[in-house]
Amino acid sequence: MHENRRAVWSWALIDWANSAFAIVMLTALFPIFFKQYWCDVPGMTPERSTFYWGLANTVSSAIIAILAPLLGSIADQGNSKKAFLAGFTLLGCLGTALLPLVAQGNYVAAGTLYAIGALGFSGNAMFSDALLTDVAGPSNYDRVSALGYALGYIGSGGLFVGCSFLVSAPEKFGLSGVVAGMHVSFLLTAGWWLAFTIPALLWIRETPGRPEAGAESVLTRGFRQLAATFRELRRDRQVLLFLAAYFLYIDGVNTVIKMATDFGLAIGLDQAGLIQALLVTQFVAFPSALVFGRVGERFGAKRGIMLGIAVYAGVCLFATRMDSTREFFALAVVIGLVQGGVQALSRSYFARLIPAERGGEFFGFYNLVGKFAAIIGPVLIGVTALLIGNRGSILSLLLLFGGGYWLLSRVRDPAGGG
């Protein structure tokens, strides 16, 4: 690899940093605590708490989806991707660190702070993605992108182990109980996220963009460039096809990540077993993401993504008959084998389709698509759960995975391969 190794590793540490929020807040501890502590009010049903959980995810996703392309364009015009990365990181850490102040039963305040944290996480991920083209060349996109996701899984897995001990045996750490263990876990998550983002802010050098000429402000130039990019996207069939496919299949992936714990609890599975299964997913995903990076280099990123989508569809079918924690374990392992690979190869595949010097604005559209997709998935699961019950709601994701697979198959590989 000819890239600056310090820049590559500091970029990969962003995934190490923000994945702590992903596992603790999106996937594991917060969903359980939200359902059992903050939603512990008279009249609350599992279906209603699932709906509120989906709503909190939807609000944060909608905000970043609306702002992403404009912010990306402004960042390119002002060479300020790192500045936006820092701002969203601080926002997300603040929302997470304030959660211990929320009293039991106050699901509105908890959901609001979670949405603020998730907004910060989404913005952080967007500008991290955009910086990929600043730290790696096209021939190394797959490998470097996979390195980021791999470090994210192993790093967040380590933090998750520590937080799990805090929650399961708080007295061994001098804490008063499970609630105190959760509070410390939220503070650790915010601190971990902030600390490991700092190297990227110090050591990554942004590739200067091509700002439009004129004396207008960065905001004005950003709006103008955004309009030009819209026109360009309308003419680029391959990018549009990929974004349409990504819209569907990544919605399914994100919904599985965000709703898996809630789904397991709703159908009566053991809480401790669910947490252990999610931990297994983290450590299985670490080597698997690296392997998928090699698969992308050898066989093509598109083929790797399609393999992962097919596995997710099979998981949805099996989940409808799942009735034991052991089966949840099995599904967790299978998901771990493909989750990081689908995410990493999607990022690197899109990077090949776009101009490297305009990564901010194009990845703004990429994240707009991803976040609007994340609006649909949790609400789809929540509404379907209200209509036909939690167990059958997972089948609604087949529409997303099937449609995404078909559209992706129609995208022409940018390297000329399939």
Protein backbone atom coordinates (compact mmCIF):
# COMPACT_ATOMS: atom_id res chain seq x y z
CA MET A 1 0.00 0.00 0.00
CA HIS A 2 1.52 3.36 -1.04
CA GLU A 3 -0.73 5.46 1.16
CA ASN A 4 0.42 7.10 4.37
CA ARG A 5 0.03 4.31 6.90
CA ARG A 6 -0.53 6.65 9.82
CA ALA A 7 -3.39 8.33 7.95
CA VAL A 8 -4.89 4.97 6.98
CA TRP A 9 -4.81 3.63 10.52
CA SER A 10 -6.08 6.86 12.07
CA TRP A 11 -8.96 6.80 9.54
CA ALA A 12 -9.71 3.17 10.42
CA LEU A 13 -9.78 4.16 14.11
CA ILE A 14 -12.86 6.28 13.38
CA ASP A 15 -14.73 3.02 12.85
CA TRP A 16 -13.12 1.66 16.03
CA ALA A 17 -14.41 4.76 17.82
CA ASN A 18 -17.96 5.15 16.52
CA SER A 19 -18.70 1.43 16.53
CA ALA A 20 -18.83 1.68 20.31
CA PHE A 21 -21.99 3.76 19.87
CA ALA A 22 -23.31 1.29 17.32
CA ILE A 23 -23.06 -1.76 19.58
CA VAL A 24 -23.98 -0.17 22.92
CA MET A 25 -26.64 2.25 21.72
CA LEU A 26 -28.05 0.97 18.44
CA THR A 27 -27.90 -2.76 18.95
CA ALA A 28 -27.50 -4.04 22.48
CA LEU A 29 -27.63 -2.26 25.84
CA PHE A 30 -29.64 0.87 25.12
CA PRO A 31 -32.54 -0.97 23.36
CA ILE A 32 -32.87 -3.29 26.37
CA PHE A 33 -32.65 -0.44 28.88
CA PHE A 34 -35.07 1.68 26.84
CA LYS A 35 -37.63 -1.11 26.73
CA GLN A 36 -37.31 -2.29 30.33
CA TYR A 37 -36.42 0.91 32.24
CA TRP A 38 -37.47 4.03 30.39
CA CYS A 39 -40.61 2.40 28.92
CA ASP A 40 -41.56 0.95 32.32
CA VAL A 41 -44.80 2.92 32.60
CA PRO A 42 -48.43 1.85 33.05
CA GLY A 43 -50.13 0.82 29.81
CA MET A 44 -46.94 0.33 27.82
CA THR A 45 -46.95 -2.80 25.62
CA PRO A 46 -44.01 -4.45 23.80
CA GLU A 47 -45.51 -3.34 20.48
CA ARG A 48 -45.81 0.29 21.60
CA SER A 49 -42.25 0.39 22.92
CA THR A 50 -41.08 -1.09 19.60
CA PHE A 51 -42.95 1.69 17.81
CA TYR A 52 -41.33 4.41 19.97
CA TRP A 53 -37.90 2.85 19.45
CA GLY A 54 -38.44 2.85 15.69
CA LEU A 55 -39.67 6.45 15.84
CA ALA A 56 -36.51 7.65 17.63
CA ASN A 57 -34.39 6.03 14.93
CA THR A 58 -36.56 7.52 12.21
CA VAL A 59 -36.29 11.10 13.49
CA SER A 60 -32.49 11.08 13.69
CA SER A 61 -32.19 9.41 10.29
CA ALA A 62 -34.57 11.91 8.67
CA ILE A 63 -32.60 14.93 9.90
CA ILE A 64 -29.23 13.72 8.61
CA ALA A 65 -30.81 12.48 5.39
CA ILE A 66 -32.14 15.95 4.62
CA LEU A 67 -28.90 17.74 5.52
CA ALA A 68 -26.30 15.26 4.22
CA PRO A 69 -25.87 16.33 0.55
CA LEU A 70 -25.72 20.03 1.40
CA LEU A 71 -23.26 19.50 4.26
CA GLY A 72 -21.12 17.31 2.03
CA SER A 73 -21.05 19.93 -0.68
CA ILE A 74 -20.17 22.68 1.81
CA ALA A 75 -17.41 20.48 3.25
CA ASP A 76 -15.90 19.98 -0.21
CA GLN A 77 -16.10 23.68 -1.04
CA GLY A 78 -14.49 24.66 2.26
CA ASN A 79 -12.16 21.65 2.63
CA SER A 80 -13.80 21.07 6.00
CA LYS A 81 -14.68 17.38 6.16
CA LYS A 82 -12.59 16.99 9.30
CA ALA A 83 -14.31 19.97 10.92
CA PHE A 84 -17.73 18.44 10.29
CA LEU A 85 -16.42 15.10 11.56
CA ALA A 86 -15.37 16.77 14.81
CA GLY A 87 -18.69 18.61 15.20
CA PHE A 88 -20.89 15.56 14.72
CA THR A 89 -18.66 13.52 17.03
CA LEU A 90 -19.07 16.07 19.83
CA LEU A 91 -22.85 16.17 19.27
CA GLY A 92 -23.15 12.39 19.46
CA CYS A 93 -20.95 12.11 22.52
CA LEU A 94 -22.98 14.81 24.29
CA GLY A 95 -26.31 13.06 23.65
CA THR A 96 -24.88 9.78 24.92
CA ALA A 97 -23.20 11.24 28.00
CA LEU A 98 -26.39 12.99 29.17
CA LEU A 99 -28.49 9.80 29.29
CA PRO A 100 -27.63 8.98 32.93
CA LEU A 101 -29.57 12.12 33.91
CA VAL A 102 -32.87 10.72 32.56
CA ALA A 103 -35.21 9.29 35.20
CA GLN A 104 -36.93 5.91 34.97
CA GLY A 105 -40.12 5.97 32.90
CA ASN A 106 -39.17 9.10 30.96
CA TYR A 107 -39.05 7.46 27.55
CA VAL A 108 -39.57 10.79 25.76
CA ALA A 109 -36.37 12.34 27.17
CA ALA A 110 -34.42 9.11 26.69
CA GLY A 111 -35.61 8.80 23.10
CA THR A 112 -34.76 12.45 22.40
CA LEU A 113 -31.19 12.15 23.72
CA TYR A 114 -30.78 8.90 21.85
CA ALA A 115 -31.92 10.62 18.64
CA ILE A 116 -29.34 13.38 19.22
CA GLY A 117 -26.64 10.77 19.75
CA ALA A 118 -27.73 8.86 16.66
CA LEU A 119 -27.68 12.09 14.63
CA GLY A 120 -24.09 12.64 15.71
CA PHE A 121 -23.24 9.05 14.85
CA SER A 122 -24.74 9.36 11.37
CA GLY A 123 -22.90 12.60 10.62
CA ASN A 124 -19.67 11.16 11.97
CA ALA A 125 -20.03 8.11 9.72
CA MET A 126 -20.85 10.26 6.69
CA PHE A 127 -17.66 12.33 6.90
CA SER A 128 -15.60 9.30 7.82
CA ASP A 129 -16.81 7.66 4.60
CA ALA A 130 -16.00 10.80 2.62
CA LEU A 131 -12.42 10.79 3.94
CA LEU A 132 -11.77 7.33 2.45
CA THR A 133 -10.75 8.92 -0.85
CA ASP A 134 -8.26 11.13 1.05
CA VAL A 135 -6.38 8.25 2.69
CA ALA A 136 -6.43 5.50 0.02
CA GLY A 137 -6.10 5.04 -3.73
CA PRO A 138 -8.79 3.24 -5.78
CA SER A 139 -6.83 -0.02 -5.88
CA ASN A 140 -6.91 -0.17 -2.07
CA TYR A 141 -10.46 1.03 -1.39
CA ASP A 142 -11.79 -2.47 -0.62
CA ARG A 143 -8.95 -3.37 1.72
CA VAL A 144 -8.85 -0.07 3.60
CA SER A 145 -12.64 0.12 3.92
CA ALA A 146 -12.69 -3.45 5.25
CA LEU A 147 -9.91 -2.60 7.72
CA GLY A 148 -12.10 0.14 9.16
CA TYR A 149 -15.07 -2.13 9.68
CA ALA A 150 -12.87 -4.91 11.07
CA LEU A 151 -11.31 -2.58 13.65
CA GLY A 152 -14.78 -1.30 14.44
CA TYR A 153 -16.04 -4.76 15.28
CA ILE A 154 -13.07 -5.80 17.40
CA GLY A 155 -12.83 -2.47 19.20
CA SER A 156 -16.50 -2.15 19.97
CA GLY A 157 -16.55 -5.80 20.94
CA GLY A 158 -13.90 -5.13 23.56
CA LEU A 159 -15.83 -2.19 24.98
CA PHE A 160 -19.03 -4.22 24.87
CA VAL A 161 -17.39 -6.94 26.99
CA GLY A 162 -16.49 -4.37 29.61
CA CYS A 163 -19.96 -2.80 29.59
CA SER A 164 -21.59 -6.22 29.81
CA PHE A 165 -19.59 -6.96 32.97
CA LEU A 166 -20.60 -3.60 34.42
CA VAL A 167 -24.26 -4.42 33.84
CA SER A 168 -24.22 -8.10 34.82
CA ALA A 169 -22.03 -7.77 37.95
CA PRO A 170 -22.12 -4.09 39.01
CA GLU A 171 -21.27 -4.86 42.63
CA LYS A 172 -17.81 -6.12 41.60
CA PHE A 173 -17.03 -2.63 40.35
CA GLY A 174 -18.39 -0.84 43.40
CA LEU A 175 -21.62 0.16 41.67
CA SER A 176 -25.03 0.16 43.32
CA GLY A 177 -26.83 -1.92 40.72
CA VAL A 178 -27.69 -2.55 37.08
CA VAL A 179 -28.91 1.00 36.53
CA ALA A 180 -25.57 2.42 37.70
CA GLY A 181 -23.80 -0.08 35.44
CA MET A 182 -25.82 1.16 32.47
CA HIS A 183 -25.04 4.78 33.34
CA VAL A 184 -21.30 4.12 33.48
CA SER A 185 -21.56 2.22 30.18
CA PHE A 186 -23.10 5.24 28.46
CA LEU A 187 -20.31 7.49 29.79
CA LEU A 188 -17.63 5.02 28.69
CA THR A 189 -19.17 4.84 25.23
CA ALA A 190 -19.07 8.61 24.81
CA GLY A 191 -15.48 8.81 26.07
CA TRP A 192 -14.30 5.94 23.86
CA TRP A 193 -15.90 7.50 20.79
CA LEU A 194 -14.33 10.90 21.41
CA ALA A 195 -10.85 9.66 22.32
CA PHE A 196 -10.33 7.42 19.29
CA THR A 197 -11.61 10.01 16.81
CA ILE A 198 -8.83 12.44 17.75
CA PRO A 199 -6.04 10.69 15.73
CA ALA A 200 -8.00 11.20 12.50
CA LEU A 201 -8.39 14.90 13.25
CA LEU A 202 -4.63 15.18 13.79
CA TRP A 203 -3.16 13.03 11.04
CA ILE A 204 -5.49 12.89 8.04
CA ARG A 205 -4.79 15.49 5.37
CA GLU A 206 -7.75 16.36 3.19
CA THR A 207 -7.20 16.37 -0.55
CA PRO A 208 -7.96 19.95 -1.67
CA GLY A 209 -11.24 20.09 -3.54
CA ARG A 210 -12.05 22.22 -6.54
CA PRO A 211 -14.08 25.06 -5.07
CA GLU A 212 -16.09 27.13 -7.49
CA ALA A 213 -14.64 30.50 -8.41
CA GLY A 214 -16.21 33.64 -7.04
CA ALA A 215 -16.42 35.72 -3.92
CA GLU A 216 -19.56 34.05 -2.58
CA SER A 217 -19.60 32.37 0.81
CA VAL A 218 -18.90 28.67 1.24
CA LEU A 219 -22.63 28.16 1.91
CA THR A 220 -23.60 29.79 -1.41
CA ARG A 221 -21.00 27.81 -3.33
CA GLY A 222 -22.18 24.68 -1.55
CA PHE A 223 -25.76 25.21 -2.72
CA ARG A 224 -24.58 25.86 -6.27
CA GLN A 225 -22.40 22.75 -6.32
CA LEU A 226 -25.22 20.70 -4.85
CA ALA A 227 -27.50 21.73 -7.72
CA ALA A 228 -24.80 20.83 -10.25
CA THR A 229 -24.33 17.42 -8.61
CA PHE A 230 -28.06 16.75 -8.78
CA ARG A 231 -27.93 17.37 -12.52
CA GLU A 232 -24.88 15.14 -12.86
CA LEU A 233 -26.49 12.31 -10.91
CA ARG A 234 -29.55 12.39 -13.17
CA ARG A 235 -27.27 11.65 -16.14
CA ASP A 236 -25.18 8.93 -14.44
CA ARG A 237 -27.27 5.78 -14.70
CA GLN A 238 -24.76 3.53 -12.94
CA VAL A 239 -24.54 5.72 -9.84
CA LEU A 240 -28.33 6.06 -9.74
CA LEU A 241 -28.82 2.31 -10.05
CA PHE A 242 -26.34 1.64 -7.28
CA LEU A 243 -27.92 4.22 -4.98
CA ALA A 244 -31.38 2.73 -5.62
CA ALA A 245 -30.07 -0.74 -4.80
CA TYR A 246 -28.24 0.56 -1.74
CA PHE A 247 -31.38 2.35 -0.60
CA LEU A 248 -33.15 -0.98 -0.34
CA TYR A 249 -30.59 -3.49 0.86
CA ILE A 250 -28.79 -1.28 3.39
CA ASP A 251 -32.17 -0.46 4.91
CA GLY A 252 -32.59 -4.15 5.59
CA VAL A 253 -29.08 -4.41 7.05
CA ASN A 254 -29.52 -1.38 9.31
CA THR A 255 -32.93 -2.53 10.45
CA VAL A 256 -31.54 -5.91 11.49
CA ILE A 257 -28.78 -4.13 13.45
CA LYS A 258 -31.16 -1.73 15.18
CA MET A 259 -34.13 -4.01 15.78
CA ALA A 260 -32.57 -7.44 16.45
CA THR A 261 -32.47 -7.09 20.24
CA ASP A 262 -35.99 -5.65 20.39
CA PHE A 263 -37.23 -8.50 18.16
CA GLY A 264 -35.62 -11.14 20.38
CA LEU A 265 -37.09 -9.63 23.56
CA ALA A 266 -40.53 -9.27 21.97
CA ILE A 267 -40.72 -12.99 21.11
CA GLY A 268 -39.63 -13.93 24.64
CA LEU A 269 -35.94 -14.78 24.33
CA ASP A 270 -33.55 -14.51 27.27
CA GLN A 271 -31.95 -11.07 27.74
CA ALA A 272 -28.56 -12.38 28.89
CA GLY A 273 -28.43 -14.79 25.96
CA LEU A 274 -29.24 -11.99 23.51
CA ILE A 275 -26.34 -9.89 24.78
CA GLN A 276 -23.94 -12.84 24.55
CA ALA A 277 -25.09 -13.57 20.99
CA LEU A 278 -24.51 -9.98 19.93
CA LEU A 279 -21.02 -10.15 21.42
CA VAL A 280 -20.34 -13.26 19.33
CA THR A 281 -21.44 -11.31 16.24
CA GLN A 282 -18.84 -8.62 16.94
CA PHE A 283 -15.90 -11.00 17.09
CA VAL A 284 -17.04 -13.15 14.15
CA ALA A 285 -17.43 -9.98 12.07
CA PHE A 286 -13.82 -8.89 12.72
CA PRO A 287 -12.04 -11.51 10.57
CA SER A 288 -15.00 -11.76 8.20
CA ALA A 289 -14.78 -8.07 7.26
CA LEU A 290 -11.09 -8.51 6.41
CA VAL A 291 -11.90 -11.59 4.33
CA PHE A 292 -14.61 -9.69 2.45
CA GLY A 293 -12.03 -7.00 1.64
CA ARG A 294 -9.92 -9.66 -0.08
CA VAL A 295 -13.02 -11.08 -1.79
CA GLY A 296 -13.76 -7.63 -3.18
CA GLU A 297 -10.23 -7.30 -4.54
CA ARG A 298 -10.26 -10.73 -6.16
CA PHE A 299 -13.82 -11.31 -7.32
CA GLY A 300 -15.33 -7.83 -7.32
CA ALA A 301 -17.08 -5.82 -4.64
CA LYS A 302 -20.48 -6.24 -6.28
CA ARG A 303 -20.35 -10.03 -6.10
CA GLY A 304 -19.39 -9.85 -2.44
CA ILE A 305 -22.31 -7.53 -1.66
CA MET A 306 -24.78 -9.78 -3.49
CA LEU A 307 -23.59 -12.79 -1.52
CA GLY A 308 -24.20 -10.92 1.71
CA ILE A 309 -27.70 -9.83 0.65
CA ALA A 310 -28.66 -13.44 -0.13
CA VAL A 311 -27.52 -14.52 3.33
CA TYR A 312 -29.60 -11.78 4.98
CA ALA A 313 -32.70 -12.94 3.11
CA GLY A 314 -32.16 -16.46 4.44
CA VAL A 315 -31.79 -15.08 7.96
CA CYS A 316 -35.18 -13.34 7.70
CA LEU A 317 -36.89 -16.56 6.65
CA PHE A 318 -35.31 -18.55 9.47
CA ALA A 319 -36.10 -15.90 12.09
CA THR A 320 -39.86 -16.42 11.69
CA ARG A 321 -39.57 -19.87 13.28
CA MET A 322 -36.87 -19.01 15.82
CA ASP A 323 -37.96 -19.89 19.34
CA SER A 324 -34.78 -20.34 21.37
CA THR A 325 -31.74 -18.33 22.38
CA ARG A 326 -29.55 -21.02 20.82
CA GLU A 327 -31.13 -20.35 17.43
CA PHE A 328 -30.59 -16.61 17.97
CA PHE A 329 -26.92 -17.47 18.58
CA ALA A 330 -26.77 -19.31 15.26
CA LEU A 331 -28.31 -16.38 13.41
CA ALA A 332 -25.91 -13.98 15.16
CA VAL A 333 -22.93 -15.97 13.85
CA VAL A 334 -24.32 -16.04 10.31
CA ILE A 335 -25.00 -12.29 10.36
CA GLY A 336 -21.52 -11.66 11.72
CA LEU A 337 -20.05 -13.46 8.71
CA VAL A 338 -21.55 -10.99 6.22
CA GLN A 339 -22.52 -7.78 8.03
CA GLY A 340 -19.18 -5.98 7.97
CA GLY A 341 -18.47 -7.24 4.45
CA VAL A 342 -21.67 -5.78 2.99
CA GLN A 343 -21.03 -2.43 4.68
CA ALA A 344 -17.34 -2.23 3.77
CA LEU A 345 -17.73 -3.28 0.14
CA SER A 346 -20.68 -0.92 -0.37
CA ARG A 347 -18.52 1.97 0.76
CA SER A 348 -15.55 1.02 -1.40
CA TYR A 349 -17.72 0.17 -4.45
CA PHE A 350 -19.38 3.59 -4.33
CA ALA A 351 -15.99 5.30 -3.93
CA ARG A 352 -14.99 3.83 -7.31
CA LEU A 353 -18.10 5.24 -8.99
CA ILE A 354 -17.51 8.87 -8.01
CA PRO A 355 -14.88 11.62 -8.54
CA ALA A 356 -12.38 11.32 -5.68
CA GLU A 357 -12.03 15.09 -5.21
CA ARG A 358 -15.78 15.42 -4.61
CA GLY A 359 -16.09 12.69 -2.02
CA GLY A 360 -17.86 14.90 0.52
CA GLU A 361 -20.87 15.79 -1.61
CA PHE A 362 -21.17 12.38 -3.27
CA PHE A 363 -20.94 10.59 0.05
CA GLY A 364 -23.51 13.09 1.24
CA PHE A 365 -25.90 11.59 -1.30
CA TYR A 366 -24.73 8.11 -0.32
CA ASN A 367 -25.61 8.82 3.30
CA LEU A 368 -28.83 10.58 2.32
CA VAL A 369 -29.90 7.38 0.61
CA GLY A 370 -28.78 5.25 3.55
CA LYS A 371 -30.56 7.40 6.12
CA PHE A 372 -33.80 7.67 4.19
CA ALA A 373 -33.65 3.90 3.89
CA ALA A 374 -33.21 3.68 7.66
CA ILE A 375 -36.38 5.74 8.02
CA ILE A 376 -38.40 3.05 6.26
CA GLY A 377 -37.03 -0.08 7.91
CA PRO A 378 -37.68 0.49 11.62
CA VAL A 379 -41.13 1.97 10.93
CA LEU A 380 -41.92 -0.93 8.59
CA ILE A 381 -41.01 -3.40 11.33
CA GLY A 382 -42.91 -1.41 13.96
CA VAL A 383 -46.11 -1.03 11.94
CA THR A 384 -46.03 -4.65 10.74
CA ALA A 385 -45.56 -5.76 14.36
CA LEU A 386 -48.70 -3.84 15.34
CA LEU A 387 -50.66 -5.43 12.47
CA ILE A 388 -49.55 -9.06 12.48
CA GLY A 389 -47.31 -9.45 15.53
CA ASN A 390 -43.56 -9.28 16.12
CA ARG A 391 -42.65 -12.70 14.72
CA GLY A 392 -44.04 -12.13 11.24
CA SER A 393 -42.78 -8.55 10.97
CA ILE A 394 -39.28 -9.70 9.98
CA LEU A 395 -40.60 -10.99 6.63
CA SER A 396 -41.24 -7.41 5.52
CA LEU A 397 -37.48 -7.05 5.09
CA LEU A 398 -37.51 -9.52 2.19
CA LEU A 399 -38.95 -6.76 0.02
CA LEU A 400 -35.90 -4.64 0.76
CA PHE A 401 -33.28 -7.36 0.28
CA GLY A 402 -34.91 -8.77 -2.85
CA GLY A 403 -35.33 -5.41 -4.53
CA GLY A 404 -31.80 -4.34 -3.63
CA TYR A 405 -30.31 -7.55 -5.01
CA TRP A 406 -32.13 -7.16 -8.34
CA LEU A 407 -31.15 -3.52 -8.82
CA LEU A 408 -27.52 -4.16 -7.87
CA SER A 409 -27.32 -6.94 -10.44
CA ARG A 410 -28.03 -4.31 -13.13
CA VAL A 411 -25.13 -2.04 -12.13
CA ARG A 412 -22.13 -2.20 -14.45
CA ASP A 413 -18.90 -2.76 -12.55
CA PRO A 414 -16.73 0.41 -12.76
CA ALA A 415 -13.63 -1.72 -13.41
CA GLY A 416 -15.35 -3.47 -16.32
CA GLY A 417 -15.74 -6.73 -14.50
CA GLY A 418 -19.23 -7.84 -13.27
